[in-house]
Protein backbone atom coordinates (compact mmCIF):
# COMPACT_ATOMS: atom_id res chain seq x y z
CA UNK A 1 141.20 28.98 98.76
CA UNK A 2 138.56 28.55 101.45
CA UNK A 3 139.63 29.10 105.10
CA UNK A 4 138.67 27.48 108.38
CA UNK A 5 139.39 29.25 111.65
CA UNK A 6 140.04 26.90 114.59
CA UNK A 7 139.95 27.94 118.31
CA UNK A 8 140.46 25.73 121.30
CA UNK A 9 138.94 26.88 124.59
CA UNK A 10 138.25 26.27 128.19
CA UNK A 11 136.50 28.86 130.38
CA UNK A 12 136.93 31.72 127.85
CA UNK A 13 133.50 33.29 128.19
CA UNK A 14 135.10 36.71 128.66
CA UNK A 15 136.89 36.49 125.33
CA UNK A 16 135.31 34.03 122.95
CA UNK A 17 132.61 36.32 121.45
CA UNK A 18 134.96 39.05 120.42
CA UNK A 19 137.44 36.55 119.01
CA UNK A 20 134.81 34.78 116.90
CA UNK A 21 133.24 38.02 115.76
CA UNK A 22 136.58 39.09 114.45
CA UNK A 23 136.66 36.15 112.11
CA UNK A 24 133.01 36.11 111.12
CA UNK A 25 134.11 36.57 107.46
CA UNK A 26 135.80 33.11 107.41
CA UNK A 27 134.22 30.21 105.42
CA UNK A 28 134.09 28.02 108.54
CA UNK A 29 134.75 28.50 112.27
CA UNK A 30 135.46 25.46 114.46
CA UNK A 31 135.68 25.54 118.32
CA UNK A 32 136.96 22.70 120.24
CA UNK A 33 136.22 23.10 123.94
CA UNK A 34 137.66 21.16 126.89
CA UNK A 35 134.65 20.95 129.25
CA UNK A 36 134.32 24.64 130.11
CA UNK A 37 132.57 25.37 133.49
CA UNK A 38 131.30 28.81 132.19
CA UNK A 39 129.25 29.87 129.16
CA UNK A 40 132.07 29.43 126.57
CA UNK A 41 130.27 26.70 124.65
CA UNK A 42 126.90 28.45 124.62
CA UNK A 43 128.44 31.66 123.41
CA UNK A 44 130.60 29.84 120.83
CA UNK A 45 127.57 28.21 119.33
CA UNK A 46 126.19 31.66 118.42
CA UNK A 47 129.11 32.34 116.09
CA UNK A 48 130.84 29.10 115.17
CA UNK A 49 130.01 26.72 112.38
CA UNK A 50 130.79 23.71 114.59
CA UNK A 51 131.51 23.40 118.33
CA UNK A 52 132.82 20.17 119.85
CA UNK A 53 133.45 19.29 123.53
CA UNK A 54 136.10 16.77 124.20
CA UNK A 55 138.70 15.79 126.89
CA UNK A 56 141.93 17.70 126.99
CA UNK A 57 144.84 15.81 125.29
CA UNK A 58 147.38 18.61 125.23
CA UNK A 59 147.79 21.76 123.33
CA UNK A 60 149.17 20.42 120.10
CA UNK A 61 146.84 17.41 120.07
CA UNK A 62 143.82 19.56 120.53
CA UNK A 63 144.83 22.04 117.87
CA UNK A 64 145.68 19.23 115.44
CA UNK A 65 142.29 17.67 116.10
CA UNK A 66 140.61 20.91 115.37
CA UNK A 67 142.46 21.21 111.96
CA UNK A 68 141.68 17.57 111.16
CA UNK A 69 137.91 18.05 111.41
CA UNK A 70 137.94 21.23 109.32
CA UNK A 71 136.30 21.18 105.90
CA UNK A 72 139.11 23.14 104.30
CA UNK A 73 142.82 22.67 104.08
CA UNK A 74 143.85 26.22 104.87
CA UNK A 75 143.69 26.84 108.61
CA UNK A 76 143.85 30.07 110.67
CA UNK A 77 144.52 29.04 114.32
CA UNK A 78 143.32 31.67 116.74
CA UNK A 79 143.53 31.82 120.54
CA UNK A 80 140.45 33.08 122.44
CA UNK A 81 142.30 36.15 123.66
CA UNK A 82 143.26 37.23 120.13
CA UNK A 83 141.46 39.46 117.56
CA UNK A 84 141.84 39.64 113.78
CA UNK A 85 141.72 43.25 112.66
CA UNK A 86 139.85 44.27 109.51
CA UNK A 87 143.22 45.00 107.84
CA UNK A 88 144.60 41.58 108.70
CA UNK A 89 141.37 39.94 107.49
CA UNK A 90 141.65 41.72 104.17
CA UNK A 91 145.25 40.64 103.82
CA UNK A 92 144.51 37.04 104.57
CA UNK A 93 141.65 36.95 102.05
CA UNK A 94 143.92 38.54 99.46
CA UNK A 95 146.67 35.98 100.26
CA UNK A 96 144.31 33.03 99.72
CA UNK A 97 142.99 34.31 96.37
CA UNK A 98 144.43 31.98 93.71
CA UNK A 99 147.46 29.89 94.68
CA UNK A 100 149.25 31.13 97.84
CA UNK A 101 152.93 31.75 97.48
CA UNK A 102 153.81 29.69 100.61
CA UNK A 103 152.39 26.85 102.60
CA UNK A 104 152.25 28.88 105.78
CA UNK A 105 152.41 32.45 106.98
CA UNK A 106 153.77 34.17 109.99
CA UNK A 107 151.64 36.94 111.50
CA UNK A 108 153.03 39.81 113.71
CA UNK A 109 151.25 39.95 117.03
CA UNK A 110 150.83 43.00 119.23
CA UNK A 111 149.88 42.82 122.89
CA UNK A 112 147.59 45.18 124.83
CA UNK A 113 149.14 45.70 128.33
CA UNK A 114 148.75 48.28 131.01
CA UNK A 115 146.54 50.52 128.81
CA UNK A 116 148.71 50.57 125.66
CA UNK A 117 149.84 48.46 122.73
CA UNK A 118 153.43 47.24 123.34
CA UNK A 119 155.48 47.62 120.24
CA UNK A 120 158.89 46.97 121.84
CA UNK A 121 160.79 44.31 123.83
CA UNK A 122 160.61 40.56 123.05
CA UNK A 123 156.83 41.03 122.75
CA UNK A 124 157.03 42.65 119.30
CA UNK A 125 156.56 41.81 116.53
CA UNK A 126 156.14 38.26 118.10
CA UNK A 127 155.55 36.57 114.76
CA UNK A 128 153.22 33.59 115.03
CA UNK A 129 152.78 30.93 112.38
CA UNK A 130 149.01 30.71 112.44
CA UNK A 131 147.93 30.65 108.81
CA UNK A 132 148.90 27.33 107.22
CA UNK A 133 147.98 24.57 104.82
CA UNK A 134 147.22 21.56 107.04
CA UNK A 135 148.64 19.29 104.32
CA UNK A 136 152.06 20.82 104.95
CA UNK A 137 151.96 21.73 108.65
CA UNK A 138 151.07 20.23 112.06
CA UNK A 139 151.42 21.48 115.60
CA UNK A 140 154.43 19.94 117.36
CA UNK A 141 154.17 18.24 120.79
CA UNK A 142 155.88 20.74 123.09
CA UNK A 143 154.47 21.10 126.64
CA UNK A 144 154.35 24.87 126.27
CA UNK A 145 154.80 27.46 123.40
CA UNK A 146 153.77 24.94 120.85
CA UNK A 147 154.14 25.87 117.20
CA UNK A 148 153.40 24.61 113.69
CA UNK A 149 156.11 22.47 112.00
CA UNK A 150 155.84 23.44 108.41
CA UNK A 151 157.16 21.74 105.31
CA UNK A 152 159.04 24.51 103.55
CA UNK A 153 159.78 28.11 104.54
CA UNK A 154 156.89 30.29 105.66
CA UNK A 155 156.16 33.77 104.33
CA UNK A 156 155.17 36.74 106.34
CA UNK A 157 152.00 38.93 106.59
CA UNK A 158 152.19 42.56 107.39
CA UNK A 159 149.11 43.46 109.40
CA UNK A 160 148.96 42.70 113.11
CA UNK A 161 147.08 40.06 115.19
CA UNK A 162 145.80 41.72 118.44
CA UNK A 163 146.55 39.94 121.65
CA UNK A 164 144.80 40.56 125.06
CA UNK A 165 147.03 38.24 127.03
CA UNK A 166 146.78 39.61 130.63
CA UNK A 167 144.13 41.29 132.63
CA UNK A 168 146.66 42.87 135.00
CA UNK A 169 150.04 42.35 136.58
CA UNK A 170 148.65 39.71 138.94
CA UNK A 171 147.37 37.64 136.03
CA UNK A 172 150.61 38.10 134.24
CA UNK A 173 152.61 36.84 137.29
CA UNK A 174 150.37 33.76 137.67
CA UNK A 175 150.81 32.98 134.02
CA UNK A 176 154.64 33.32 134.29
CA UNK A 177 154.56 30.87 137.19
CA UNK A 178 152.52 28.27 135.33
CA UNK A 179 154.45 28.48 132.07
CA UNK A 180 157.93 28.50 133.54
CA UNK A 181 157.02 25.18 135.24
CA UNK A 182 156.01 23.71 131.95
CA UNK A 183 159.07 25.17 130.12
CA UNK A 184 161.55 23.81 132.69
CA UNK A 185 159.94 20.35 132.39
CA UNK A 186 160.26 20.61 128.58
CA UNK A 187 163.95 21.52 128.89
CA UNK A 188 164.62 18.71 131.39
CA UNK A 189 162.94 16.14 129.01
CA UNK A 190 165.13 17.49 126.16
CA UNK A 191 168.24 16.94 128.24
CA UNK A 192 169.12 20.55 128.94
CA UNK A 193 170.94 21.32 132.22
CA UNK A 194 171.77 24.53 134.01
CA UNK A 195 174.02 25.94 136.77
CA UNK A 196 174.31 28.91 139.10
CA UNK A 197 176.08 31.05 136.51
CA UNK A 198 173.29 30.66 134.00
CA UNK A 199 170.70 31.46 136.62
CA UNK A 200 172.63 34.65 137.46
CA UNK A 201 173.56 35.88 133.90
CA UNK A 202 170.58 34.99 131.60
CA UNK A 203 168.00 37.12 133.41
CA UNK A 204 170.30 40.09 133.30
CA UNK A 205 171.03 39.65 129.66
CA UNK A 206 167.32 39.28 129.03
CA UNK A 207 166.56 42.59 130.73
CA UNK A 208 169.25 44.46 128.75
CA UNK A 209 168.06 42.95 125.52
CA UNK A 210 164.37 43.84 126.20
CA UNK A 211 164.83 47.31 127.65
CA UNK A 212 167.68 48.66 125.58
CA UNK A 213 168.30 46.62 122.45
CA UNK A 214 164.59 46.00 121.69
CA UNK A 215 163.29 49.40 122.76
CA UNK A 216 161.40 48.82 125.93
CA UNK A 217 162.78 52.13 127.21
CA UNK A 218 160.61 53.82 124.54
CA UNK A 219 157.43 52.57 126.29
CA UNK A 220 158.13 54.37 129.54
CA UNK A 221 156.97 52.61 132.74
CA UNK A 222 155.08 49.89 130.77
CA UNK A 223 158.25 49.07 128.82
CA UNK A 224 160.30 48.86 132.06
CA UNK A 225 157.72 46.50 133.68
CA UNK A 226 157.61 44.28 130.58
CA UNK A 227 161.36 44.15 130.39
CA UNK A 228 161.64 43.32 134.16
CA UNK A 229 158.90 40.63 133.97
CA UNK A 230 160.41 39.12 130.90
CA UNK A 231 163.72 38.86 132.79
CA UNK A 232 161.85 37.34 135.71
CA UNK A 233 160.39 34.75 133.39
CA UNK A 234 163.87 33.68 132.27
CA UNK A 235 165.10 33.58 135.89
CA UNK A 236 162.26 31.29 136.95
CA UNK A 237 162.70 29.03 133.98
CA UNK A 238 166.32 28.41 134.81
CA UNK A 239 165.74 28.29 138.53
CA UNK A 240 162.98 25.58 138.11
CA UNK A 241 165.16 23.61 135.68
CA UNK A 242 167.88 23.60 138.41
CA UNK A 243 165.36 22.44 141.02
CA UNK A 244 164.20 19.58 138.74
CA UNK A 245 167.86 18.60 138.22
CA UNK A 246 168.35 18.30 142.00
CA UNK A 247 165.18 16.28 142.42
CA UNK A 248 166.24 13.94 139.63
CA UNK A 249 169.63 13.35 141.26
CA UNK A 250 168.04 12.53 144.63
CA UNK A 251 165.38 10.28 143.07
CA UNK A 252 166.34 9.20 139.46
CA UNK A 253 162.99 7.27 139.23
CA UNK A 254 160.83 10.34 139.98
CA UNK A 255 158.50 11.35 137.12
CA UNK A 256 157.66 14.76 135.94
CA UNK A 257 154.03 15.91 136.21
CA UNK A 258 151.78 14.53 133.38
CA UNK A 259 152.85 16.55 130.25
CA UNK A 260 149.15 16.51 129.13
CA UNK A 261 148.04 18.24 132.33
CA UNK A 262 144.70 19.97 132.01
CA UNK A 263 144.04 23.68 131.66
CA UNK A 264 144.37 24.19 135.45
CA UNK A 265 148.09 23.98 134.83
CA UNK A 266 148.25 26.71 132.31
CA UNK A 267 146.04 29.17 130.40
CA UNK A 268 144.89 28.43 126.92
CA UNK A 269 146.35 31.67 125.63
CA UNK A 270 149.94 31.35 124.35
CA UNK A 271 151.85 34.07 126.18
CA UNK A 272 155.28 35.35 125.34
CA UNK A 273 158.38 33.27 125.86
CA UNK A 274 161.50 35.48 125.96
CA UNK A 275 164.52 34.11 124.23
CA UNK A 276 167.26 32.87 126.48
CA UNK A 277 170.14 33.71 124.18
């Protein structure tokens, strides 16, 4: 089976070359850019088979468009801040030899943070359904943390996809702020509601799950920081949902921000979304 790698971008000049170099073995590489103001497009044209620039319609719509214009049915969707290791590349090529056993595959993702690979907390193994047959899967329409809806059960690959999600803590905090706004809007649109008890209890449970149950304690100070920031993510998501509820009660006709808001509202990379269970 031939493979097309798809990447959607905007202002990713710091990442795009390394991302595309890591998939240079693929049969086709397609980059769909949303009017970058830096050198992303020029750099992408050095490595990609095809580069298109188009308006931003939303995460899922852009990723689905990239898959639709591919020459091959099997798609590997890659973010600009991700890298395919040589081991993962070999596993993907071997999986696509002959008839694949499944219509899609989840890939474990590991994140580089504060000078080390984090293999604990909710961040790991962070399985992502990225390798799929476009005839059996499409990206759903969620505002944030979009994923592929697949016909049938996916299988799992063993080797890791590397993720360079955050430059530093400041970048991490800014991303948390953007994504929790989108996540709260998604919840409200789905009819979810919250209260003071949930705002109080869920972040504490998230910290205990991350730090103790999922081994953040093993990663020292970095594991503690990730666990605390994951709990902070959960707190902000519930707090912002509560705020939206109050606003809707005061003015029932008020509208949420445009769900197809451009990249200024959130980064192209798909960061982690701690479970709220």
